[in-house]
């Protein structure tokens, strides 16, 4: 891929809360586009809504980008802090006669349009400086959005209003601020969701009025859930922070999110970040809405987790659960790595190795029957007598009990599993016993035998 350092893209979120997965995809595509071409990514915070643009909301965006490991070259730039520059641009257009003050109310505009078959509103200039400012829109022709994904999208000028670019108090509206900022920052490509497509002709008209070249545009189809409806919390995680808290890995999220609407010619599924950078082309993004399916993300995340080296895996788990990545945790991670698909699933699998487990009574009732007591009693003797507590020796010692009684492994191993972990789901039984250690394994099985004996005595009395 050729390098073009003149390329400048921007990610420009409004700080209204946690970064939505759709916003994360927009950020990722801009980042991949810039990094793949040696260009620059500018982070601009569109924070003109002062009630919602709190410092906490801005930090949520920065926190999400840092977790995704998406860096930026300039910013974060506050759009609100550029207000003086926006006002200068308004004054310039007023002086040139390209914009004008208009005192019409929304009712006035609606009445004007109704009388003229709903054609675009054209106002009457006034000298009243307390009036809003409108941009003059041509009566003829089309404003054409040249879109990398959709092709040419035409908007007839006659149907567009002379739109307001500044309120009566002097503050500018969104489309004007965005156009001025994109021009001043030298943005060459705008990659964003297609919910912004209707804004683009206005921004193009502002740039034409300012006599600056427009960027190229690429409007991404919005994300939907598996039910075909717009992605929301009902489909599971809806924000980057929720994905992080659910135990997903940043690299796996980058890989999966990149494939939401874009793909390679060979339909590769697992792509390193370097491969994504090298292979990403914005023109290859499809026009149809992409489906975010958290089950597919879980599968991909599981693949990433299983392919991690043990030290990295242990460090990731340690950070997630707030523990030190010591040798004991490392040994526990080694026996759980093949089972967990998210970091959140690891501790439920290995927690019994560090803390006294609570018994799942449903699991107890299911497995502690049909001759479980005598088998557990024999297992207890075998484990007490074991000279080595390594998995091969444990498998041999317990295997002899299975052979003597001619029973299936589950008849013995599931009661042992419930006895030591409190549940019927754990890493391999021999590995679990080995990491738990002889003393604690024997103690827990002793307690299970005592409870089973007591329950049997109660049953006989009744």
Protein backbone atom coordinates (compact mmCIF):
# COMPACT_ATOMS: atom_id res chain seq x y z
CA UNK A 1 0.00 0.00 0.00
CA UNK A 2 1.42 3.39 -0.97
CA UNK A 3 2.15 5.94 1.72
CA UNK A 4 0.57 9.39 1.56
CA UNK A 5 1.40 11.59 4.55
CA UNK A 6 -0.94 14.28 3.25
CA UNK A 7 -3.94 12.12 4.21
CA UNK A 8 -5.72 13.47 7.26
CA UNK A 9 -8.81 11.87 8.76
CA UNK A 10 -10.68 12.66 11.93
CA UNK A 11 -12.74 10.89 14.52
CA UNK A 12 -15.20 13.44 15.88
CA UNK A 13 -17.52 11.99 18.52
CA UNK A 14 -20.03 13.91 20.58
CA UNK A 15 -19.35 13.22 24.27
CA UNK A 16 -22.78 12.04 25.30
CA UNK A 17 -21.75 8.91 27.24
CA UNK A 18 -19.90 5.67 26.70
CA UNK A 19 -18.48 5.03 23.23
CA UNK A 20 -21.01 2.94 21.29
CA UNK A 21 -19.78 -0.01 19.24
CA UNK A 22 -20.82 1.81 16.07
CA UNK A 23 -18.67 4.75 17.12
CA UNK A 24 -15.82 2.36 17.86
CA UNK A 25 -16.06 0.98 14.32
CA UNK A 26 -15.93 4.52 12.91
CA UNK A 27 -12.86 5.27 15.02
CA UNK A 28 -11.24 1.99 13.96
CA UNK A 29 -11.86 2.52 10.24
CA UNK A 30 -10.40 6.03 10.41
CA UNK A 31 -7.41 4.69 12.34
CA UNK A 32 -6.83 1.83 9.89
CA UNK A 33 -7.17 4.17 6.93
CA UNK A 34 -4.64 6.62 8.37
CA UNK A 35 -2.16 4.03 9.61
CA UNK A 36 -2.29 2.06 6.37
CA UNK A 37 -1.36 5.10 4.30
CA UNK A 38 1.06 6.90 6.56
CA UNK A 39 -1.49 9.64 7.17
CA UNK A 40 -2.69 11.31 10.35
CA UNK A 41 -5.73 10.87 12.60
CA UNK A 42 -7.12 13.89 14.41
CA UNK A 43 -9.34 13.43 17.45
CA UNK A 44 -11.94 16.18 17.64
CA UNK A 45 -14.53 16.33 20.39
CA UNK A 46 -17.76 17.88 19.11
CA UNK A 47 -18.73 19.34 22.45
CA UNK A 48 -20.90 22.32 21.59
CA UNK A 49 -23.81 20.79 23.55
CA UNK A 50 -22.51 22.05 26.89
CA UNK A 51 -25.11 20.26 29.02
CA UNK A 52 -24.10 16.81 27.78
CA UNK A 53 -20.44 17.52 27.03
CA UNK A 54 -19.16 16.95 30.54
CA UNK A 55 -15.52 16.18 31.33
CA UNK A 56 -16.67 12.74 32.51
CA UNK A 57 -18.25 12.01 29.13
CA UNK A 58 -15.14 13.17 27.29
CA UNK A 59 -13.02 10.91 29.48
CA UNK A 60 -15.27 7.95 28.63
CA UNK A 61 -14.42 8.42 24.95
CA UNK A 62 -10.69 8.74 25.63
CA UNK A 63 -10.81 5.74 27.96
CA UNK A 64 -12.50 3.60 25.29
CA UNK A 65 -10.00 4.61 22.60
CA UNK A 66 -7.06 3.89 24.90
CA UNK A 67 -8.44 0.46 25.75
CA UNK A 68 -8.92 -0.29 22.04
CA UNK A 69 -5.31 0.86 21.56
CA UNK A 70 -6.30 3.39 18.90
CA UNK A 71 -3.90 6.32 19.15
CA UNK A 72 -4.27 9.69 17.47
CA UNK A 73 -1.80 12.21 16.07
CA UNK A 74 -3.51 15.47 17.05
CA UNK A 75 -6.01 16.37 19.72
CA UNK A 76 -8.26 15.97 21.40
CA UNK A 77 -9.43 19.26 19.89
CA UNK A 78 -12.49 20.87 21.48
CA UNK A 79 -14.99 22.15 18.94
CA UNK A 80 -16.48 24.44 21.59
CA UNK A 81 -13.11 26.15 22.09
CA UNK A 82 -13.05 27.03 18.38
CA UNK A 83 -16.19 29.18 18.72
CA UNK A 84 -14.33 32.40 17.89
CA UNK A 85 -13.02 30.90 14.65
CA UNK A 86 -16.56 29.82 13.75
CA UNK A 87 -17.89 33.34 14.34
CA UNK A 88 -15.11 34.81 12.17
CA UNK A 89 -16.20 32.52 9.33
CA UNK A 90 -19.84 33.60 9.72
CA UNK A 91 -18.82 37.26 9.57
CA UNK A 92 -16.79 36.60 6.44
CA UNK A 93 -19.78 35.07 4.65
CA UNK A 94 -22.07 37.88 5.80
CA UNK A 95 -19.64 40.45 4.43
CA UNK A 96 -19.50 38.60 1.11
CA UNK A 97 -23.30 38.46 0.87
CA UNK A 98 -23.23 34.66 0.76
CA UNK A 99 -25.00 34.56 4.11
CA UNK A 100 -27.68 36.87 5.44
CA UNK A 101 -29.58 37.63 8.62
CA UNK A 102 -33.18 36.47 8.68
CA UNK A 103 -35.80 37.01 11.39
CA UNK A 104 -38.23 34.34 10.13
CA UNK A 105 -39.60 31.94 12.74
CA UNK A 106 -40.08 28.23 12.16
CA UNK A 107 -43.76 28.94 11.58
CA UNK A 108 -42.88 31.57 9.01
CA UNK A 109 -40.65 29.09 7.19
CA UNK A 110 -43.33 26.39 7.24
CA UNK A 111 -45.92 28.80 5.83
CA UNK A 112 -43.56 30.00 3.11
CA UNK A 113 -42.82 26.44 2.00
CA UNK A 114 -46.50 25.44 2.03
CA UNK A 115 -47.41 28.31 -0.27
CA UNK A 116 -44.70 27.27 -2.74
CA UNK A 117 -45.24 23.54 -3.01
CA UNK A 118 -42.69 22.70 -0.33
CA UNK A 119 -39.70 24.02 -2.27
CA UNK A 120 -36.65 25.05 -0.27
CA UNK A 121 -37.10 28.16 1.87
CA UNK A 122 -35.54 31.39 0.69
CA UNK A 123 -35.57 34.23 3.21
CA UNK A 124 -35.57 38.00 3.16
CA UNK A 125 -32.40 39.64 4.53
CA UNK A 126 -32.74 41.96 7.52
CA UNK A 127 -30.36 44.35 9.26
CA UNK A 128 -31.51 43.11 12.67
CA UNK A 129 -28.33 41.76 14.28
CA UNK A 130 -30.46 39.78 16.76
CA UNK A 131 -31.60 37.54 13.90
CA UNK A 132 -30.30 34.14 12.90
CA UNK A 133 -27.88 33.82 9.99
CA UNK A 134 -28.73 31.70 6.94
CA UNK A 135 -26.53 30.49 4.09
CA UNK A 136 -27.77 31.13 0.57
CA UNK A 137 -28.41 27.89 -1.33
CA UNK A 138 -28.43 27.93 -5.16
CA UNK A 139 -31.84 27.57 -6.78
CA UNK A 140 -30.55 25.39 -9.59
CA UNK A 141 -28.57 22.17 -9.86
CA UNK A 142 -27.64 19.53 -7.34
CA UNK A 143 -25.23 19.26 -4.47
CA UNK A 144 -23.43 15.98 -5.10
CA UNK A 145 -21.86 13.89 -2.35
CA UNK A 146 -19.12 11.79 -3.93
CA UNK A 147 -19.14 8.81 -1.60
CA UNK A 148 -16.47 6.09 -1.53
CA UNK A 149 -19.06 3.49 -0.54
CA UNK A 150 -22.34 4.65 -2.08
CA UNK A 151 -21.13 6.37 -5.22
CA UNK A 152 -22.61 9.75 -6.14
CA UNK A 153 -25.56 10.85 -4.00
CA UNK A 154 -27.41 13.87 -5.39
CA UNK A 155 -29.40 16.44 -3.40
CA UNK A 156 -31.44 18.92 -5.51
CA UNK A 157 -30.69 22.46 -4.37
CA UNK A 158 -34.23 23.64 -5.03
CA UNK A 159 -35.53 21.37 -2.26
CA UNK A 160 -33.00 22.57 0.31
CA UNK A 161 -33.71 25.52 2.57
CA UNK A 162 -31.38 28.44 2.98
CA UNK A 163 -30.26 26.82 6.23
CA UNK A 164 -29.35 28.47 9.50
CA UNK A 165 -25.61 28.54 10.20
CA UNK A 166 -25.70 30.76 13.31
CA UNK A 167 -28.32 31.41 15.95
CA UNK A 168 -29.45 34.84 17.03
CA UNK A 169 -27.01 34.70 19.98
CA UNK A 170 -24.09 34.22 17.58
CA UNK A 171 -23.44 30.56 18.29
CA UNK A 172 -23.08 28.44 15.17
CA UNK A 173 -24.94 25.27 14.29
CA UNK A 174 -23.42 21.82 13.96
CA UNK A 175 -23.10 21.62 10.18
CA UNK A 176 -21.34 24.96 9.96
CA UNK A 177 -18.90 24.19 12.77
CA UNK A 178 -18.05 20.79 11.28
CA UNK A 179 -17.40 22.24 7.82
CA UNK A 180 -15.17 25.01 9.18
CA UNK A 181 -13.26 22.57 11.39
CA UNK A 182 -12.75 20.04 8.60
CA UNK A 183 -11.47 22.81 6.32
CA UNK A 184 -9.15 24.36 8.92
CA UNK A 185 -7.74 20.98 9.92
CA UNK A 186 -7.06 19.95 6.34
CA UNK A 187 -9.24 16.85 6.56
CA UNK A 188 -8.93 14.91 3.30
CA UNK A 189 -11.33 12.03 4.03
CA UNK A 190 -14.42 11.91 6.25
CA UNK A 191 -15.36 8.38 7.33
CA UNK A 192 -18.51 8.30 9.45
CA UNK A 193 -21.90 6.67 9.89
CA UNK A 194 -24.55 7.08 7.21
CA UNK A 195 -26.82 8.80 9.72
CA UNK A 196 -24.66 11.83 8.78
CA UNK A 197 -25.31 11.55 5.05
CA UNK A 198 -28.16 14.08 5.16
CA UNK A 199 -25.79 16.58 6.82
CA UNK A 200 -23.18 16.29 4.10
CA UNK A 201 -24.80 18.52 1.40
CA UNK A 202 -25.04 21.35 3.92
CA UNK A 203 -21.40 20.93 4.86
CA UNK A 204 -20.43 20.88 1.19
CA UNK A 205 -22.35 24.10 0.59
CA UNK A 206 -20.56 25.75 3.51
CA UNK A 207 -17.19 24.67 2.12
CA UNK A 208 -18.12 25.95 -1.32
CA UNK A 209 -19.08 29.29 0.25
CA UNK A 210 -15.75 29.37 2.12
CA UNK A 211 -13.95 28.48 -1.14
CA UNK A 212 -12.15 25.50 0.34
CA UNK A 213 -11.83 22.05 -1.28
CA UNK A 214 -14.10 19.44 0.30
CA UNK A 215 -12.84 16.12 1.66
CA UNK A 216 -13.84 12.80 0.19
CA UNK A 217 -16.65 11.07 2.05
CA UNK A 218 -17.43 7.50 3.05
CA UNK A 219 -20.67 6.91 4.92
CA UNK A 220 -20.78 3.61 6.80
CA UNK A 221 -24.03 1.63 7.06
CA UNK A 222 -25.26 1.50 10.65
CA UNK A 223 -24.87 -1.61 12.77
CA UNK A 224 -27.84 -3.88 13.48
CA UNK A 225 -28.37 -6.73 15.90
CA UNK A 226 -29.03 -10.33 14.81
CA UNK A 227 -32.76 -9.52 14.70
CA UNK A 228 -32.13 -6.90 12.00
CA UNK A 229 -32.99 -3.97 14.26
CA UNK A 230 -30.69 -1.08 15.12
CA UNK A 231 -28.02 -2.19 17.57
CA UNK A 232 -28.91 -1.45 21.19
CA UNK A 233 -28.54 -2.82 24.72
CA UNK A 234 -31.15 -5.48 24.04
CA UNK A 235 -28.60 -7.22 21.84
CA UNK A 236 -26.04 -7.45 24.67
CA UNK A 237 -23.03 -5.19 25.04
CA UNK A 238 -23.63 -1.87 23.29
CA UNK A 239 -20.51 0.08 24.26
CA UNK A 240 -16.77 -0.40 24.33
CA UNK A 241 -16.75 -0.22 28.12
CA UNK A 242 -19.32 -3.01 28.31
CA UNK A 243 -17.16 -5.18 26.07
CA UNK A 244 -14.15 -4.50 28.27
CA UNK A 245 -16.11 -5.28 31.44
CA UNK A 246 -17.40 -8.50 29.85
CA UNK A 247 -13.82 -9.69 29.46
CA UNK A 248 -13.09 -9.24 25.76
CA UNK A 249 -9.56 -8.59 24.49
CA UNK A 250 -8.83 -5.33 22.61
CA UNK A 251 -7.18 -7.18 19.73
CA UNK A 252 -10.17 -9.50 19.31
CA UNK A 253 -12.60 -6.56 19.40
CA UNK A 254 -10.55 -4.71 16.77
CA UNK A 255 -10.53 -7.82 14.57
CA UNK A 256 -14.28 -8.46 14.90
CA UNK A 257 -15.41 -4.85 14.60
CA UNK A 258 -13.24 -4.36 11.50
CA UNK A 259 -15.16 -7.19 9.81
CA UNK A 260 -18.56 -5.55 10.43
CA UNK A 261 -19.29 -4.54 6.86
CA UNK A 262 -15.78 -4.95 5.52
CA UNK A 263 -13.92 -8.08 4.55
CA UNK A 264 -10.99 -9.39 2.59
CA UNK A 265 -11.24 -11.08 -0.80
CA UNK A 266 -10.19 -14.38 0.76
CA UNK A 267 -12.80 -14.01 3.56
CA UNK A 268 -10.14 -14.30 6.26
CA UNK A 269 -11.66 -14.20 9.74
CA UNK A 270 -8.70 -13.93 12.08
CA UNK A 271 -6.51 -10.96 11.19
CA UNK A 272 -3.80 -9.37 13.27
CA UNK A 273 -3.89 -5.62 13.64
CA UNK A 274 -0.92 -5.32 11.28
CA UNK A 275 -2.84 -7.34 8.69
CA UNK A 276 -5.90 -5.14 9.15
CA UNK A 277 -3.78 -2.03 8.58
CA UNK A 278 -2.25 -3.50 5.45
CA UNK A 279 -5.43 -4.88 3.91
CA UNK A 280 -8.10 -2.31 4.83
CA UNK A 281 -9.67 -0.36 1.97
CA UNK A 282 -12.64 1.87 2.66
CA UNK A 283 -14.07 1.23 -0.81
CA UNK A 284 -14.44 -2.45 0.14
CA UNK A 285 -17.02 -1.63 2.82
CA UNK A 286 -20.44 -2.91 1.80
CA UNK A 287 -23.59 -0.83 1.53
CA UNK A 288 -25.79 -3.15 3.60
CA UNK A 289 -26.16 -2.82 7.36
CA UNK A 290 -23.68 -5.03 9.18
CA UNK A 291 -24.81 -7.41 11.92
CA UNK A 292 -23.14 -7.27 15.32
CA UNK A 293 -23.47 -10.73 16.89
CA UNK A 294 -21.88 -11.00 20.31
CA UNK A 295 -21.84 -14.80 20.07
CA UNK A 296 -19.49 -14.54 17.08
CA UNK A 297 -17.34 -12.08 18.99
CA UNK A 298 -17.18 -14.53 21.92
CA UNK A 299 -16.03 -17.29 19.58
CA UNK A 300 -13.34 -15.06 18.06
CA UNK A 301 -12.26 -13.84 21.49
CA UNK A 302 -11.92 -17.44 22.62
CA UNK A 303 -9.62 -18.12 19.69
CA UNK A 304 -7.46 -15.15 20.64
CA UNK A 305 -7.33 -16.26 24.27
CA UNK A 306 -6.29 -19.79 23.43
CA UNK A 307 -3.52 -18.54 21.15
CA UNK A 308 -1.97 -16.24 23.78
CA UNK A 309 1.26 -17.33 25.42
CA UNK A 310 0.73 -18.31 29.05
CA UNK A 311 2.51 -15.29 30.53
CA UNK A 312 0.40 -12.83 28.52
CA UNK A 313 -2.74 -14.80 29.34
CA UNK A 314 -1.93 -14.75 33.05
CA UNK A 315 -1.22 -11.02 33.01
CA UNK A 316 -4.52 -10.33 31.23
CA UNK A 317 -6.45 -12.42 33.74
CA UNK A 318 -4.60 -10.82 36.66
CA UNK A 319 -5.52 -7.32 35.46
CA UNK A 320 -9.12 -8.32 34.94
CA UNK A 321 -9.61 -9.93 38.36
CA UNK A 322 -7.33 -7.57 40.28
CA UNK A 323 -4.76 -10.12 41.45
CA UNK A 324 -1.01 -10.49 41.21
CA UNK A 325 0.19 -12.62 38.27
CA UNK A 326 2.02 -15.03 40.58
CA UNK A 327 2.93 -18.67 39.97
CA UNK A 328 -0.26 -19.96 41.53
CA UNK A 329 -2.40 -17.86 39.19
CA UNK A 330 -0.19 -18.90 36.30
CA UNK A 331 -0.77 -22.57 37.12
CA UNK A 332 -4.51 -21.96 37.38
CA UNK A 333 -4.58 -20.11 34.05
CA UNK A 334 -2.69 -22.95 32.39
CA UNK A 335 -5.51 -25.40 33.11
CA UNK A 336 -8.33 -22.98 32.22
CA UNK A 337 -6.99 -21.49 28.99
CA UNK A 338 -8.70 -24.00 26.71
CA UNK A 339 -12.12 -23.54 28.33
CA UNK A 340 -12.72 -19.79 28.70
CA UNK A 341 -13.88 -17.58 25.83
CA UNK A 342 -13.69 -14.29 27.76
CA UNK A 343 -11.63 -13.06 30.68
CA UNK A 344 -14.83 -12.89 32.71
CA UNK A 345 -15.24 -16.65 32.35
CA UNK A 346 -11.82 -17.47 33.80
CA UNK A 347 -12.37 -16.70 37.49
CA UNK A 348 -15.58 -18.77 37.78
CA UNK A 349 -13.49 -21.68 36.47
CA UNK A 350 -10.50 -21.22 38.78
CA UNK A 351 -11.80 -19.29 41.78
CA UNK A 352 -12.14 -22.51 43.81
CA UNK A 353 -8.36 -22.88 43.64
CA UNK A 354 -7.96 -19.69 45.69
CA UNK A 355 -11.11 -19.44 47.82
CA UNK A 356 -13.45 -21.83 49.56
CA UNK A 357 -16.20 -22.49 47.01
CA UNK A 358 -19.93 -22.26 47.56
CA UNK A 359 -21.67 -25.47 46.62
CA UNK A 360 -24.11 -25.34 43.74
CA UNK A 361 -26.94 -27.33 45.29
CA UNK A 362 -28.41 -28.21 41.92
CA UNK A 363 -25.08 -29.69 40.83
CA UNK A 364 -24.79 -31.51 44.18
CA UNK A 365 -28.20 -33.15 43.83
CA UNK A 366 -27.47 -34.14 40.25
CA UNK A 367 -24.17 -35.96 40.82
CA UNK A 368 -24.07 -36.98 44.49
CA UNK A 369 -26.25 -40.06 44.01
CA UNK A 370 -26.20 -43.51 42.43
CA UNK A 371 -23.30 -44.88 44.45
CA UNK A 372 -21.32 -41.66 44.65
CA UNK A 373 -20.52 -42.12 48.35
CA UNK A 374 -18.54 -45.38 48.17
CA UNK A 375 -16.69 -44.16 45.07
CA UNK A 376 -15.76 -40.91 46.81
CA UNK A 377 -14.61 -42.87 49.87
CA UNK A 378 -12.29 -44.96 47.73
CA UNK A 379 -11.04 -41.86 45.91
CA UNK A 380 -10.30 -40.27 49.26
CA UNK A 381 -8.14 -43.21 50.27
CA UNK A 382 -6.33 -43.19 46.93
CA UNK A 383 -5.61 -39.46 47.15
CA UNK A 384 -4.38 -39.71 50.74
CA UNK A 385 -2.01 -42.49 49.72
CA UNK A 386 -0.79 -40.80 46.53
CA UNK A 387 2.95 -40.29 46.59
CA UNK A 388 2.79 -37.74 43.78
CA UNK A 389 0.03 -35.25 43.14
CA UNK A 390 0.85 -34.68 39.50
CA UNK A 391 -1.90 -35.21 36.88
CA UNK A 392 -0.53 -38.47 35.36
CA UNK A 393 -0.24 -40.15 38.77
CA UNK A 394 -3.67 -38.91 39.82
CA UNK A 395 -5.20 -40.22 36.62
CA UNK A 396 -3.59 -43.59 37.23
CA UNK A 397 -4.73 -43.82 40.86
CA UNK A 398 -8.31 -42.81 40.16
CA UNK A 399 -8.42 -44.85 36.96
CA UNK A 400 -7.89 -48.01 38.97
CA UNK A 401 -11.10 -47.30 40.89
CA UNK A 402 -13.01 -46.97 37.62
CA UNK A 403 -11.59 -50.28 36.39
CA UNK A 404 -12.38 -52.12 39.62
CA UNK A 405 -16.00 -51.01 39.63
CA UNK A 406 -16.45 -50.93 35.83
CA UNK A 407 -18.11 -47.51 35.91
CA UNK A 408 -17.93 -44.60 33.49
CA UNK A 409 -15.54 -41.75 34.39
CA UNK A 410 -18.35 -39.29 35.11
CA UNK A 411 -19.64 -41.45 37.95
CA UNK A 412 -16.43 -40.75 39.88
CA UNK A 413 -14.99 -37.58 38.44
CA UNK A 414 -18.15 -35.46 38.64
CA UNK A 415 -18.61 -36.10 42.39
CA UNK A 416 -14.93 -35.24 42.91
CA UNK A 417 -15.39 -32.09 40.82
CA UNK A 418 -18.40 -30.93 42.83
CA UNK A 419 -16.60 -31.79 46.08
CA UNK A 420 -13.53 -29.66 45.31
CA UNK A 421 -15.02 -26.83 43.20
CA UNK A 422 -18.65 -26.65 44.32
CA UNK A 423 -19.85 -26.98 40.73
CA UNK A 424 -19.99 -29.52 37.91
CA UNK A 425 -17.93 -27.29 35.57
CA UNK A 426 -14.18 -26.87 36.06
CA UNK A 427 -10.91 -27.41 34.24
CA UNK A 428 -9.68 -30.99 33.86
CA UNK A 429 -10.19 -32.94 37.07
CA UNK A 430 -6.60 -34.20 37.39
CA UNK A 431 -5.15 -30.77 36.66
CA UNK A 432 -7.59 -29.18 39.10
CA UNK A 433 -6.60 -31.57 41.88
CA UNK A 434 -2.91 -30.99 41.18
CA UNK A 435 -3.16 -27.18 41.32
CA UNK A 436 -5.45 -27.25 44.37
CA UNK A 437 -2.91 -29.45 46.14
CA UNK A 438 -3.15 -32.61 48.16
CA UNK A 439 -4.08 -31.07 51.51
CA UNK A 440 -6.98 -28.93 50.32
CA UNK A 441 -8.22 -31.57 47.88
CA UNK A 442 -8.40 -34.18 50.63
CA UNK A 443 -10.07 -31.75 53.05
CA UNK A 444 -12.83 -30.85 50.60
CA UNK A 445 -13.51 -34.45 49.61
CA UNK A 446 -13.62 -35.39 53.31
CA UNK A 447 -16.30 -32.76 53.88
CA UNK A 448 -18.26 -34.05 50.88
CA UNK A 449 -18.08 -37.63 52.24
CA UNK A 450 -19.25 -36.44 55.67
CA UNK A 451 -22.21 -34.58 54.14
CA UNK A 452 -23.18 -37.50 51.93
CA UNK A 453 -22.98 -39.86 54.90
CA UNK A 454 -25.15 -37.56 56.96
CA UNK A 455 -27.69 -37.20 54.18
CA UNK A 456 -27.80 -40.98 53.79
CA UNK A 457 -28.36 -41.46 57.53
CA UNK A 458 -31.17 -38.90 57.51
CA UNK A 459 -32.80 -40.66 54.56
CA UNK A 460 -32.67 -44.02 56.34
CA UNK A 461 -34.26 -42.59 59.50
CA UNK A 462 -37.09 -41.08 57.54
